[in-house]
Amino acid sequence: MSASIQTESPVTITESAAKQIKEIWANDAEKRGKPLRVFVESGGCSWMQYGMDFDEEREGDFAGQFHGVGVVIDRVSAEYMRGTVIDFVDALTGGGFKIKNPNAKQSCGCGKSFEA
């Protein structure tokens, strides 16, 4: 790991989320083994929206390992997401990745956007 990578991740993932990520890796060779990048960007119905993708670590990122899965987040997104937990719920309705952000003043019903 590069000296420019911060090792204290402001975001954690649950065992359930890690299990789902490993399933994604098993079915997609291009994503396999890459850390989960978590970020925020402008948009959504509550001003900011969450994003996730599989990506390499970049200079200035915060990085962590949880249940065998790497997580990376850029410095700007980290300020909005400090203390956030990402879970995965396996349900017929309302299932998927769930983001619990203690910094969100208000969240949209879809769970993908928030107001900081």
PDB file of N, CA and C in Angstrom:
ATOM      1  N   MET A   1       0.851  -1.171   0.000  1.00  0.00           N
ATOM      2  CA  MET A   1       0.000   0.000   0.000  1.00  0.00           C
ATOM      3  C   MET A   1       0.899   1.237   0.000  1.00  0.00           C
ATOM      4  N   SER A   2       0.569   2.207  -0.793  1.00  0.00           N
ATOM      5  CA  SER A   2       1.334   3.429  -0.936  1.00  0.00           C
ATOM      6  C   SER A   2       1.287   4.253   0.347  1.00  0.00           C
ATOM      7  N   ALA A   3       2.343   5.013   0.596  1.00  0.00           N
ATOM      8  CA  ALA A   3       2.376   5.867   1.777  1.00  0.00           C
ATOM      9  C   ALA A   3       1.329   6.967   1.690  1.00  0.00           C
ATOM     10  N   SER A   4       0.833   7.247   0.482  1.00  0.00           N
ATOM     11  CA  SER A   4      -0.157   8.311   0.322  1.00  0.00           C
ATOM     12  C   SER A   4      -1.583   7.820   0.572  1.00  0.00           C
ATOM     13  N   ILE A   5      -1.748   6.528   0.836  1.00  0.00           N
ATOM     14  CA  ILE A   5      -3.065   5.978   1.142  1.00  0.00           C
ATOM     15  C   ILE A   5      -3.261   6.044   2.654  1.00  0.00           C
ATOM     16  N   GLN A   6      -4.395   6.576   3.085  1.00  0.00           N
ATOM     17  CA  GLN A   6      -4.731   6.645   4.503  1.00  0.00           C
ATOM     18  C   GLN A   6      -5.338   5.298   4.910  1.00  0.00           C
ATOM     19  N   THR A   7      -4.914   4.754   6.033  1.00  0.00           N
ATOM     20  CA  THR A   7      -5.377   3.416   6.396  1.00  0.00           C
ATOM     21  C   THR A   7      -6.583   3.413   7.326  1.00  0.00           C
ATOM     22  N   GLU A   8      -7.035   4.546   7.781  1.00  0.00           N
ATOM     23  CA  GLU A   8      -8.213   4.595   8.644  1.00  0.00           C
ATOM     24  C   GLU A   8      -9.433   4.902   7.781  1.00  0.00           C
ATOM     25  N   SER A   9     -10.253   3.912   7.540  1.00  0.00           N
ATOM     26  CA  SER A   9     -11.416   4.103   6.673  1.00  0.00           C
ATOM     27  C   SER A   9     -12.569   4.731   7.441  1.00  0.00           C
ATOM     28  N   PRO A  10     -13.152   5.812   6.902  1.00  0.00           N
ATOM     29  CA  PRO A  10     -14.317   6.415   7.539  1.00  0.00           C
ATOM     30  C   PRO A  10     -15.604   5.627   7.287  1.00  0.00           C
ATOM     31  N   VAL A  11     -15.523   4.630   6.419  1.00  0.00           N
ATOM     32  CA  VAL A  11     -16.675   3.805   6.052  1.00  0.00           C
ATOM     33  C   VAL A  11     -16.357   2.357   6.367  1.00  0.00           C
ATOM     34  N   THR A  12     -17.336   1.621   6.914  1.00  0.00           N
ATOM     35  CA  THR A  12     -17.163   0.192   7.141  1.00  0.00           C
ATOM     36  C   THR A  12     -18.275  -0.568   6.423  1.00  0.00           C
ATOM     37  N   ILE A  13     -18.035  -1.843   6.198  1.00  0.00           N
ATOM     38  CA  ILE A  13     -19.066  -2.688   5.600  1.00  0.00           C
ATOM     39  C   ILE A  13     -19.321  -3.881   6.518  1.00  0.00           C
ATOM     40  N   THR A  14     -20.555  -4.342   6.498  1.00  0.00           N
ATOM     41  CA  THR A  14     -20.933  -5.482   7.328  1.00  0.00           C
ATOM     42  C   THR A  14     -20.490  -6.774   6.662  1.00  0.00           C
ATOM     43  N   GLU A  15     -20.573  -7.844   7.420  1.00  0.00           N
ATOM     44  CA  GLU A  15     -20.248  -9.166   6.886  1.00  0.00           C
ATOM     45  C   GLU A  15     -21.190  -9.532   5.730  1.00  0.00           C
ATOM     46  N   SER A  16     -22.448  -9.150   5.845  1.00  0.00           N
ATOM     47  CA  SER A  16     -23.425  -9.417   4.787  1.00  0.00           C
ATOM     48  C   SER A  16     -23.056  -8.685   3.491  1.00  0.00           C
ATOM     49  N   ALA A  17     -22.625  -7.428   3.613  1.00  0.00           N
ATOM     50  CA  ALA A  17     -22.207  -6.660   2.432  1.00  0.00           C
ATOM     51  C   ALA A  17     -20.949  -7.281   1.816  1.00  0.00           C
ATOM     52  N   ALA A  18     -20.012  -7.693   2.652  1.00  0.00           N
ATOM     53  CA  ALA A  18     -18.783  -8.318   2.152  1.00  0.00           C
ATOM     54  C   ALA A  18     -19.101  -9.614   1.407  1.00  0.00           C
ATOM     55  N   LYS A  19     -20.032 -10.389   1.925  1.00  0.00           N
ATOM     56  CA  LYS A  19     -20.429 -11.636   1.275  1.00  0.00           C
ATOM     57  C   LYS A  19     -21.000 -11.356  -0.117  1.00  0.00           C
ATOM     58  N   GLN A  20     -21.831 -10.318  -0.226  1.00  0.00           N
ATOM     59  CA  GLN A  20     -22.409  -9.969  -1.521  1.00  0.00           C
ATOM     60  C   GLN A  20     -21.333  -9.491  -2.494  1.00  0.00           C
ATOM     61  N   ILE A  21     -20.381  -8.712  -2.004  1.00  0.00           N
ATOM     62  CA  ILE A  21     -19.285  -8.240  -2.853  1.00  0.00           C
ATOM     63  C   ILE A  21     -18.471  -9.425  -3.363  1.00  0.00           C
ATOM     64  N   LYS A  22     -18.229 -10.410  -2.514  1.00  0.00           N
ATOM     65  CA  LYS A  22     -17.488 -11.599  -2.941  1.00  0.00           C
ATOM     66  C   LYS A  22     -18.267 -12.374  -4.004  1.00  0.00           C
ATOM     67  N   GLU A  23     -19.594 -12.368  -3.918  1.00  0.00           N
ATOM     68  CA  GLU A  23     -20.408 -13.001  -4.964  1.00  0.00           C
ATOM     69  C   GLU A  23     -20.268 -12.243  -6.280  1.00  0.00           C
ATOM     70  N   ILE A  24     -20.239 -10.926  -6.212  1.00  0.00           N
ATOM     71  CA  ILE A  24     -20.032 -10.119  -7.420  1.00  0.00           C
ATOM     72  C   ILE A  24     -18.675 -10.441  -8.020  1.00  0.00           C
ATOM     73  N   TRP A  25     -17.646 -10.509  -7.179  1.00  0.00           N
ATOM     74  CA  TRP A  25     -16.311 -10.865  -7.659  1.00  0.00           C
ATOM     75  C   TRP A  25     -16.299 -12.223  -8.351  1.00  0.00           C
ATOM     76  N   ALA A  26     -17.006 -13.188  -7.773  1.00  0.00           N
ATOM     77  CA  ALA A  26     -17.023 -14.549  -8.322  1.00  0.00           C
ATOM     78  C   ALA A  26     -17.641 -14.589  -9.717  1.00  0.00           C
ATOM     79  N   ASN A  27     -18.537 -13.656 -10.000  1.00  0.00           N
ATOM     80  CA  ASN A  27     -19.241 -13.649 -11.278  1.00  0.00           C
ATOM     81  C   ASN A  27     -18.721 -12.629 -12.281  1.00  0.00           C
ATOM     82  N   ASP A  28     -17.714 -11.837 -11.908  1.00  0.00           N
ATOM     83  CA  ASP A  28     -17.215 -10.795 -12.803  1.00  0.00           C
ATOM     84  C   ASP A  28     -15.699 -10.675 -12.661  1.00  0.00           C
ATOM     85  N   ALA A  29     -14.976 -11.275 -13.604  1.00  0.00           N
ATOM     86  CA  ALA A  29     -13.517 -11.302 -13.541  1.00  0.00           C
ATOM     87  C   ALA A  29     -12.905  -9.905 -13.565  1.00  0.00           C
ATOM     88  N   GLU A  30     -13.551  -8.953 -14.228  1.00  0.00           N
ATOM     89  CA  GLU A  30     -13.028  -7.590 -14.309  1.00  0.00           C
ATOM     90  C   GLU A  30     -13.036  -6.890 -12.950  1.00  0.00           C
ATOM     91  N   LYS A  31     -14.004  -7.223 -12.110  1.00  0.00           N
ATOM     92  CA  LYS A  31     -14.141  -6.595 -10.785  1.00  0.00           C
ATOM     93  C   LYS A  31     -13.423  -7.385  -9.692  1.00  0.00           C
ATOM     94  N   ARG A  32     -13.143  -8.637  -9.960  1.00  0.00           N
ATOM     95  CA  ARG A  32     -12.608  -9.559  -8.956  1.00  0.00           C
ATOM     96  C   ARG A  32     -11.388  -8.993  -8.240  1.00  0.00           C
ATOM     97  N   GLY A  33     -11.486  -8.939  -6.916  1.00  0.00           N
ATOM     98  CA  GLY A  33     -10.369  -8.529  -6.076  1.00  0.00           C
ATOM     99  C   GLY A  33     -10.188  -7.025  -5.933  1.00  0.00           C
ATOM    100  N   LYS A  34     -10.872  -6.236  -6.748  1.00  0.00           N
ATOM    101  CA  LYS A  34     -10.745  -4.785  -6.642  1.00  0.00           C
ATOM    102  C   LYS A  34     -11.527  -4.293  -5.424  1.00  0.00           C
ATOM    103  N   PRO A  35     -10.993  -3.272  -4.748  1.00  0.00           N
ATOM    104  CA  PRO A  35     -11.733  -2.738  -3.601  1.00  0.00           C
ATOM    105  C   PRO A  35     -13.013  -2.024  -4.044  1.00  0.00           C
ATOM    106  N   LEU A  36     -13.940  -1.950  -3.115  1.00  0.00           N
ATOM    107  CA  LEU A  36     -15.174  -1.218  -3.346  1.00  0.00           C
ATOM    108  C   LEU A  36     -14.896   0.261  -3.120  1.00  0.00           C
ATOM    109  N   ARG A  37     -15.118   1.069  -4.143  1.00  0.00           N
ATOM    110  CA  ARG A  37     -14.988   2.520  -3.992  1.00  0.00           C
ATOM    111  C   ARG A  37     -16.359   3.080  -3.645  1.00  0.00           C
ATOM    112  N   VAL A  38     -16.421   3.830  -2.562  1.00  0.00           N
ATOM    113  CA  VAL A  38     -17.645   4.471  -2.104  1.00  0.00           C
ATOM    114  C   VAL A  38     -17.435   5.969  -2.277  1.00  0.00           C
ATOM    115  N   PHE A  39     -18.449   6.663  -2.808  1.00  0.00           N
ATOM    116  CA  PHE A  39     -18.283   8.095  -3.033  1.00  0.00           C
ATOM    117  C   PHE A  39     -19.627   8.804  -2.977  1.00  0.00           C
ATOM    118  N   VAL A  40     -19.570  10.124  -2.875  1.00  0.00           N
ATOM    119  CA  VAL A  40     -20.766  10.954  -2.982  1.00  0.00           C
ATOM    120  C   VAL A  40     -20.564  11.892  -4.164  1.00  0.00           C
ATOM    121  N   GLU A  41     -21.675  12.263  -4.774  1.00  0.00           N
ATOM    122  CA  GLU A  41     -21.646  13.213  -5.882  1.00  0.00           C
ATOM    123  C   GLU A  41     -22.927  14.022  -5.865  1.00  0.00           C
ATOM    124  N   SER A  42     -22.926  15.134  -6.550  1.00  0.00           N
ATOM    125  CA  SER A  42     -24.126  15.963  -6.633  1.00  0.00           C
ATOM    126  C   SER A  42     -25.205  15.220  -7.388  1.00  0.00           C
ATOM    127  N   GLY A  43     -26.444  15.385  -6.930  1.00  0.00           N
ATOM    128  CA  GLY A  43     -27.563  14.767  -7.630  1.00  0.00           C
ATOM    129  C   GLY A  43     -28.515  14.103  -6.672  1.00  0.00           C
ATOM    130  N   GLY A  44     -29.452  13.392  -7.235  1.00  0.00           N
ATOM    131  CA  GLY A  44     -30.452  12.720  -6.420  1.00  0.00           C
ATOM    132  C   GLY A  44     -31.520  13.695  -5.970  1.00  0.00           C
ATOM    133  N   CYS A  45     -32.516  13.193  -5.309  1.00  0.00           N
ATOM    134  CA  CYS A  45     -33.642  14.042  -4.895  1.00  0.00           C
ATOM    135  C   CYS A  45     -33.387  14.756  -3.580  1.00  0.00           C
ATOM    136  N   SER A  46     -32.251  14.506  -2.930  1.00  0.00           N
ATOM    137  CA  SER A  46     -31.943  15.191  -1.665  1.00  0.00           C
ATOM    138  C   SER A  46     -30.604  15.923  -1.718  1.00  0.00           C
ATOM    139  N   TRP A  47     -30.154  16.326  -2.879  1.00  0.00           N
ATOM    140  CA  TRP A  47     -28.972  17.146  -3.110  1.00  0.00           C
ATOM    141  C   TRP A  47     -27.696  16.342  -3.367  1.00  0.00           C
ATOM    142  N   MET A  48     -27.410  15.320  -2.558  1.00  0.00           N
ATOM    143  CA  MET A  48     -26.220  14.496  -2.753  1.00  0.00           C
ATOM    144  C   MET A  48     -26.660  13.044  -2.927  1.00  0.00           C
ATOM    145  N   GLN A  49     -25.881  12.276  -3.702  1.00  0.00           N
ATOM    146  CA  GLN A  49     -26.214  10.864  -3.849  1.00  0.00           C
ATOM    147  C   GLN A  49     -24.969  10.012  -3.667  1.00  0.00           C
ATOM    148  N   TYR A  50     -25.206   8.785  -3.224  1.00  0.00           N
ATOM    149  CA  TYR A  50     -24.139   7.825  -2.998  1.00  0.00           C
ATOM    150  C   TYR A  50     -23.821   7.099  -4.294  1.00  0.00           C
ATOM    151  N   GLY A  51     -22.575   6.680  -4.401  1.00  0.00           N
ATOM    152  CA  GLY A  51     -22.170   5.844  -5.515  1.00  0.00           C
ATOM    153  C   GLY A  51     -21.203   4.784  -5.025  1.00  0.00           C
ATOM    154  N   MET A  52     -21.199   3.653  -5.713  1.00  0.00           N
ATOM    155  CA  MET A  52     -20.265   2.572  -5.404  1.00  0.00           C
ATOM    156  C   MET A  52     -19.807   1.958  -6.717  1.00  0.00           C
ATOM    157  N   ASP A  53     -18.534   1.592  -6.757  1.00  0.00           N
ATOM    158  CA  ASP A  53     -17.967   0.948  -7.935  1.00  0.00           C
ATOM    159  C   ASP A  53     -16.740   0.166  -7.461  1.00  0.00           C
ATOM    160  N   PHE A  54     -16.203  -0.643  -8.325  1.00  0.00           N
ATOM    161  CA  PHE A  54     -14.975  -1.361  -8.007  1.00  0.00           C
ATOM    162  C   PHE A  54     -13.843  -0.645  -8.714  1.00  0.00           C
ATOM    163  N   ASP A  55     -12.795  -0.290  -7.953  1.00  0.00           N
ATOM    164  CA  ASP A  55     -11.756   0.579  -8.475  1.00  0.00           C
ATOM    165  C   ASP A  55     -10.457   0.323  -7.712  1.00  0.00           C
ATOM    166  N   GLU A  56      -9.370   0.827  -8.248  1.00  0.00           N
ATOM    167  CA  GLU A  56      -8.068   0.735  -7.582  1.00  0.00           C
ATOM    168  C   GLU A  56      -7.938   1.860  -6.561  1.00  0.00           C
ATOM    169  N   GLU A  57      -7.038   1.677  -5.604  1.00  0.00           N
ATOM    170  CA  GLU A  57      -6.732   2.739  -4.653  1.00  0.00           C
ATOM    171  C   GLU A  57      -6.027   3.868  -5.395  1.00  0.00           C
ATOM    172  N   ARG A  58      -6.330   5.099  -4.988  1.00  0.00           N
ATOM    173  CA  ARG A  58      -5.701   6.275  -5.586  1.00  0.00           C
ATOM    174  C   ARG A  58      -5.005   7.084  -4.497  1.00  0.00           C
ATOM    175  N   GLU A  59      -4.077   7.911  -4.921  1.00  0.00           N
ATOM    176  CA  GLU A  59      -3.366   8.763  -3.973  1.00  0.00           C
ATOM    177  C   GLU A  59      -4.357   9.619  -3.203  1.00  0.00           C
ATOM    178  N   GLY A  60      -4.200   9.676  -1.889  1.00  0.00           N
ATOM    179  CA  GLY A  60      -5.061  10.472  -1.033  1.00  0.00           C
ATOM    180  C   GLY A  60      -6.293   9.745  -0.526  1.00  0.00           C
ATOM    181  N   ASP A  61      -6.542   8.540  -1.025  1.00  0.00           N
ATOM    182  CA  ASP A  61      -7.704   7.763  -0.573  1.00  0.00           C
ATOM    183  C   ASP A  61      -7.541   7.302   0.871  1.00  0.00           C
ATOM    184  N   PHE A  62      -8.666   7.104   1.535  1.00  0.00           N
ATOM    185  CA  PHE A  62      -8.718   6.336   2.767  1.00  0.00           C
ATOM    186  C   PHE A  62      -9.000   4.900   2.344  1.00  0.00           C
ATOM    187  N   ALA A  63      -8.395   3.932   3.009  1.00  0.00           N
ATOM    188  CA  ALA A  63      -8.596   2.532   2.639  1.00  0.00           C
ATOM    189  C   ALA A  63      -8.730   1.674   3.887  1.00  0.00           C
ATOM    190  N   GLY A  64      -9.526   0.630   3.789  1.00  0.00           N
ATOM    191  CA  GLY A  64      -9.695  -0.305   4.893  1.00  0.00           C
ATOM    192  C   GLY A  64     -10.043  -1.684   4.367  1.00  0.00           C
ATOM    193  N   GLN A  65      -9.908  -2.678   5.221  1.00  0.00           N
ATOM    194  CA  GLN A  65     -10.258  -4.062   4.906  1.00  0.00           C
ATOM    195  C   GLN A  65     -11.304  -4.525   5.902  1.00  0.00           C
ATOM    196  N   PHE A  66     -12.404  -5.085   5.393  1.00  0.00           N
ATOM    197  CA  PHE A  66     -13.478  -5.564   6.243  1.00  0.00           C
ATOM    198  C   PHE A  66     -13.965  -6.907   5.728  1.00  0.00           C
ATOM    199  N   HIS A  67     -13.805  -7.951   6.533  1.00  0.00           N
ATOM    200  CA  HIS A  67     -14.279  -9.291   6.182  1.00  0.00           C
ATOM    201  C   HIS A  67     -13.709  -9.744   4.839  1.00  0.00           C
ATOM    202  N   GLY A  68     -12.440  -9.388   4.579  1.00  0.00           N
ATOM    203  CA  GLY A  68     -11.769  -9.816   3.353  1.00  0.00           C
ATOM    204  C   GLY A  68     -12.049  -8.960   2.129  1.00  0.00           C
ATOM    205  N   VAL A  69     -12.677  -7.809   2.313  1.00  0.00           N
ATOM    206  CA  VAL A  69     -13.005  -6.920   1.198  1.00  0.00           C
ATOM    207  C   VAL A  69     -12.390  -5.552   1.466  1.00  0.00           C
ATOM    208  N   GLY A  70     -11.704  -5.015   0.472  1.00  0.00           N
ATOM    209  CA  GLY A  70     -11.140  -3.675   0.581  1.00  0.00           C
ATOM    210  C   GLY A  70     -12.184  -2.618   0.270  1.00  0.00           C
ATOM    211  N   VAL A  71     -12.086  -1.501   0.985  1.00  0.00           N
ATOM    212  CA  VAL A  71     -12.968  -0.359   0.758  1.00  0.00           C
ATOM    213  C   VAL A  71     -12.088   0.872   0.625  1.00  0.00           C
ATOM    214  N   VAL A  72     -12.334   1.694  -0.402  1.00  0.00           N
ATOM    215  CA  VAL A  72     -11.603   2.934  -0.587  1.00  0.00           C
ATOM    216  C   VAL A  72     -12.590   4.083  -0.741  1.00  0.00           C
ATOM    217  N   ILE A  73     -12.161   5.265  -0.290  1.00  0.00           N
ATOM    218  CA  ILE A  73     -13.005   6.447  -0.369  1.00  0.00           C
ATOM    219  C   ILE A  73     -12.099   7.678  -0.471  1.00  0.00           C
ATOM    220  N   ASP A  74     -12.475   8.597  -1.343  1.00  0.00           N
ATOM    221  CA  ASP A  74     -11.679   9.812  -1.505  1.00  0.00           C
ATOM    222  C   ASP A  74     -11.913  10.753  -0.322  1.00  0.00           C
ATOM    223  N   ARG A  75     -11.037  11.727  -0.168  1.00  0.00           N
ATOM    224  CA  ARG A  75     -11.077  12.629   0.987  1.00  0.00           C
ATOM    225  C   ARG A  75     -12.370  13.457   1.057  1.00  0.00           C
ATOM    226  N   VAL A  76     -12.852  13.965  -0.065  1.00  0.00           N
ATOM    227  CA  VAL A  76     -14.060  14.785  -0.056  1.00  0.00           C
ATOM    228  C   VAL A  76     -15.263  13.942   0.356  1.00  0.00           C
ATOM    229  N   SER A  77     -15.416  12.769  -0.237  1.00  0.00           N
ATOM    230  CA  SER A  77     -16.531  11.892   0.125  1.00  0.00           C
ATOM    231  C   SER A  77     -16.445  11.463   1.578  1.00  0.00           C
ATOM    232  N   ALA A  78     -15.229  11.259   2.059  1.00  0.00           N
ATOM    233  CA  ALA A  78     -15.028  10.828   3.448  1.00  0.00           C
ATOM    234  C   ALA A  78     -15.607  11.833   4.427  1.00  0.00           C
ATOM    235  N   GLU A  79     -15.522  13.119   4.110  1.00  0.00           N
ATOM    236  CA  GLU A  79     -16.058  14.148   5.010  1.00  0.00           C
ATOM    237  C   GLU A  79     -17.570  14.027   5.167  1.00  0.00           C
ATOM    238  N   TYR A  80     -18.255  13.618   4.111  1.00  0.00           N
ATOM    239  CA  TYR A  80     -19.709  13.445   4.155  1.00  0.00           C
ATOM    240  C   TYR A  80     -20.127  12.101   4.752  1.00  0.00           C
ATOM    241  N   MET A  81     -19.196  11.139   4.741  1.00  0.00           N
ATOM    242  CA  MET A  81     -19.577   9.762   5.081  1.00  0.00           C
ATOM    243  C   MET A  81     -18.892   9.192   6.319  1.00  0.00           C
ATOM    244  N   ARG A  82     -18.192  10.010   7.074  1.00  0.00           N
ATOM    245  CA  ARG A  82     -17.487   9.502   8.261  1.00  0.00           C
ATOM    246  C   ARG A  82     -18.466   8.796   9.204  1.00  0.00           C
ATOM    247  N   GLY A  83     -18.152   7.552   9.564  1.00  0.00           N
ATOM    248  CA  GLY A  83     -18.998   6.772  10.461  1.00  0.00           C
ATOM    249  C   GLY A  83     -20.070   5.950   9.762  1.00  0.00           C
ATOM    250  N   THR A  84     -20.084   6.000   8.442  1.00  0.00           N
ATOM    251  CA  THR A  84     -21.100   5.290   7.657  1.00  0.00           C
ATOM    252  C   THR A  84     -20.859   3.781   7.672  1.00  0.00           C
ATOM    253  N   VAL A  85     -21.957   3.025   7.719  1.00  0.00           N
ATOM    254  CA  VAL A  85     -21.908   1.565   7.634  1.00  0.00           C
ATOM    255  C   VAL A  85     -22.711   1.146   6.410  1.00  0.00           C
ATOM    256  N   ILE A  86     -22.105   0.293   5.594  1.00  0.00           N
ATOM    257  CA  ILE A  86     -22.781  -0.241   4.410  1.00  0.00           C
ATOM    258  C   ILE A  86     -23.140  -1.688   4.691  1.00  0.00           C
ATOM    259  N   ASP A  87     -24.419  -1.991   4.531  1.00  0.00           N
ATOM    260  CA  ASP A  87     -24.949  -3.327   4.784  1.00  0.00           C
ATOM    261  C   ASP A  87     -25.566  -3.853   3.493  1.00  0.00           C
ATOM    262  N   PHE A  88     -25.857  -5.138   3.463  1.00  0.00           N
ATOM    263  CA  PHE A  88     -26.588  -5.720   2.351  1.00  0.00           C
ATOM    264  C   PHE A  88     -27.767  -6.489   2.923  1.00  0.00           C
ATOM    265  N   VAL A  89     -28.951  -6.199   2.391  1.00  0.00           N
ATOM    266  CA  VAL A  89     -30.169  -6.872   2.829  1.00  0.00           C
ATOM    267  C   VAL A  89     -30.680  -7.709   1.670  1.00  0.00           C
ATOM    268  N   ASP A  90     -30.824  -9.009   1.901  1.00  0.00           N
ATOM    269  CA  ASP A  90     -31.323  -9.923   0.879  1.00  0.00           C
ATOM    270  C   ASP A  90     -32.821 -10.082   1.083  1.00  0.00           C
ATOM    271  N   ALA A  91     -33.596  -9.302   0.339  1.00  0.00           N
ATOM    272  CA  ALA A  91     -35.053  -9.328   0.487  1.00  0.00           C
ATOM    273  C   ALA A  91     -35.693  -9.179  -0.885  1.00  0.00           C
ATOM    274  N   LEU A  92     -36.874  -9.721  -1.032  1.00  0.00           N
ATOM    275  CA  LEU A  92     -37.601  -9.638  -2.293  1.00  0.00           C
ATOM    276  C   LEU A  92     -37.927  -8.193  -2.641  1.00  0.00           C
ATOM    277  N   THR A  93     -38.380  -7.435  -1.666  1.00  0.00           N
ATOM    278  CA  THR A  93     -38.634  -6.008  -1.872  1.00  0.00           C
ATOM    279  C   THR A  93     -37.793  -5.214  -0.890  1.00  0.00           C
ATOM    280  N   GLY A  94     -37.202  -4.147  -1.362  1.00  0.00           N
ATOM    281  CA  GLY A  94     -36.378  -3.311  -0.496  1.00  0.00           C
ATOM    282  C   GLY A  94     -35.009  -3.872  -0.206  1.00  0.00           C
ATOM    283  N   GLY A  95     -34.593  -4.890  -0.943  1.00  0.00           N
ATOM    284  CA  GLY A  95     -33.284  -5.483  -0.718  1.00  0.00           C
ATOM    285  C   GLY A  95     -32.187  -4.701  -1.424  1.00  0.00           C
ATOM    286  N   GLY A  96     -30.952  -5.090  -1.187  1.00  0.00           N
ATOM    287  CA  GLY A  96     -29.805  -4.455  -1.816  1.00  0.00           C
ATOM    288  C   GLY A  96     -28.884  -3.856  -0.784  1.00  0.00           C
ATOM    289  N   PHE A  97     -27.924  -3.080  -1.259  1.00  0.00           N
ATOM    290  CA  PHE A  97     -26.996  -2.410  -0.357  1.00  0.00           C
ATOM    291  C   PHE A  97     -27.717  -1.270   0.342  1.00  0.00           C
ATOM    292  N   LYS A  98     -27.520  -1.167   1.647  1.00  0.00           N
ATOM    293  CA  LYS A  98     -28.136  -0.127   2.469  1.00  0.00           C
ATOM    294  C   LYS A  98     -27.025   0.692   3.115  1.00  0.00           C
ATOM    295  N   ILE A  99     -27.148   1.995   3.016  1.00  0.00           N
ATOM    296  CA  ILE A  99     -26.145   2.902   3.560  1.00  0.00           C
ATOM    297  C   ILE A  99     -26.716   3.617   4.775  1.00  0.00           C
ATOM    298  N   LYS A 100     -26.050   3.450   5.920  1.00  0.00           N
ATOM    299  CA  LYS A 100     -26.466   4.103   7.165  1.00  0.00           C
ATOM    300  C   LYS A 100     -25.433   5.185   7.483  1.00  0.00           C
ATOM    301  N   ASN A 101     -25.779   6.421   7.151  1.00  0.00           N
ATOM    302  CA  ASN A 101     -24.863   7.547   7.286  1.00  0.00           C
ATOM    303  C   ASN A 101     -25.309   8.435   8.444  1.00  0.00           C
ATOM    304  N   PRO A 102     -24.523   8.498   9.525  1.00  0.00           N
ATOM    305  CA  PRO A 102     -24.910   9.328  10.669  1.00  0.00           C
ATOM    306  C   PRO A 102     -24.836  10.827  10.382  1.00  0.00           C
ATOM    307  N   ASN A 103     -24.225  11.223   9.269  1.00  0.00           N
ATOM    308  CA  ASN A 103     -24.087  12.633   8.911  1.00  0.00           C
ATOM    309  C   ASN A 103     -25.233  13.148   8.062  1.00  0.00           C
ATOM    310  N   ALA A 104     -26.102  12.264   7.612  1.00  0.00           N
ATOM    311  CA  ALA A 104     -27.217  12.677   6.751  1.00  0.00           C
ATOM    312  C   ALA A 104     -28.299  13.329   7.602  1.00  0.00           C
ATOM    313  N   LYS A 105     -28.587  14.596   7.318  1.00  0.00           N
ATOM    314  CA  LYS A 105     -29.654  15.307   8.029  1.00  0.00           C
ATOM    315  C   LYS A 105     -31.014  14.807   7.564  1.00  0.00           C
ATOM    316  N   GLN A 106     -31.066  14.441   6.305  1.00  0.00           N
ATOM    317  CA  GLN A 106     -32.310  13.974   5.697  1.00  0.00           C
ATOM    318  C   GLN A 106     -31.935  13.005   4.586  1.00  0.00           C
ATOM    319  N   SER A 107     -32.687  11.925   4.443  1.00  0.00           N
ATOM    320  CA  SER A 107     -32.449  10.958   3.382  1.00  0.00           C
ATOM    321  C   SER A 107     -33.698  10.820   2.536  1.00  0.00           C
ATOM    322  N   CYS A 108     -33.500  10.490   1.298  1.00  0.00           N
ATOM    323  CA  CYS A 108     -34.605  10.271   0.377  1.00  0.00           C
ATOM    324  C   CYS A 108     -35.194   8.881   0.637  1.00  0.00           C
ATOM    325  N   GLY A 109     -36.416   8.677   0.251  1.00  0.00           N
ATOM    326  CA  GLY A 109     -37.066   7.382   0.414  1.00  0.00           C
ATOM    327  C   GLY A 109     -36.359   6.265  -0.329  1.00  0.00           C
ATOM    328  N   CYS A 110     -35.639   6.594  -1.405  1.00  0.00           N
ATOM    329  CA  CYS A 110     -34.938   5.574  -2.175  1.00  0.00           C
ATOM    330  C   CYS A 110     -33.691   5.082  -1.462  1.00  0.00           C
ATOM    331  N   GLY A 111     -33.193   5.878  -0.503  1.00  0.00           N
ATOM    332  CA  GLY A 111     -31.997   5.494   0.244  1.00  0.00           C
ATOM    333  C   GLY A 111     -30.704   5.749  -0.484  1.00  0.00           C
ATOM    334  N   LYS A 112     -30.760   6.359  -1.668  1.00  0.00           N
ATOM    335  CA  LYS A 112     -29.549   6.601  -2.453  1.00  0.00           C
ATOM    336  C   LYS A 112     -29.120   8.058  -2.454  1.00  0.00           C
ATOM    337  N   SER A 113     -29.936   8.931  -1.879  1.00  0.00           N
ATOM    338  CA  SER A 113     -29.548  10.334  -1.816  1.00  0.00           C
ATOM    339  C   SER A 113     -29.801  10.873  -0.420  1.00  0.00           C
ATOM    340  N   PHE A 114     -29.104  11.972  -0.110  1.00  0.00           N
ATOM    341  CA  PHE A 114     -29.179  12.524   1.244  1.00  0.00           C
ATOM    342  C   PHE A 114     -28.835  14.005   1.220  1.00  0.00           C
ATOM    343  N   GLU A 115     -29.153  14.660   2.312  1.00  0.00           N
ATOM    344  CA  GLU A 115     -28.757  16.055   2.530  1.00  0.00           C
ATOM    345  C   GLU A 115     -27.807  16.069   3.702  1.00  0.00           C
ATOM    346  N   ALA A 116     -26.655  16.703   3.496  1.00  0.00           N
ATOM    347  CA  ALA A 116     -25.630  16.742   4.556  1.00  0.00           C
ATOM    348  C   ALA A 116     -25.826  17.943   5.461  1.00  0.00           C
TER     349      ALA A 116
END
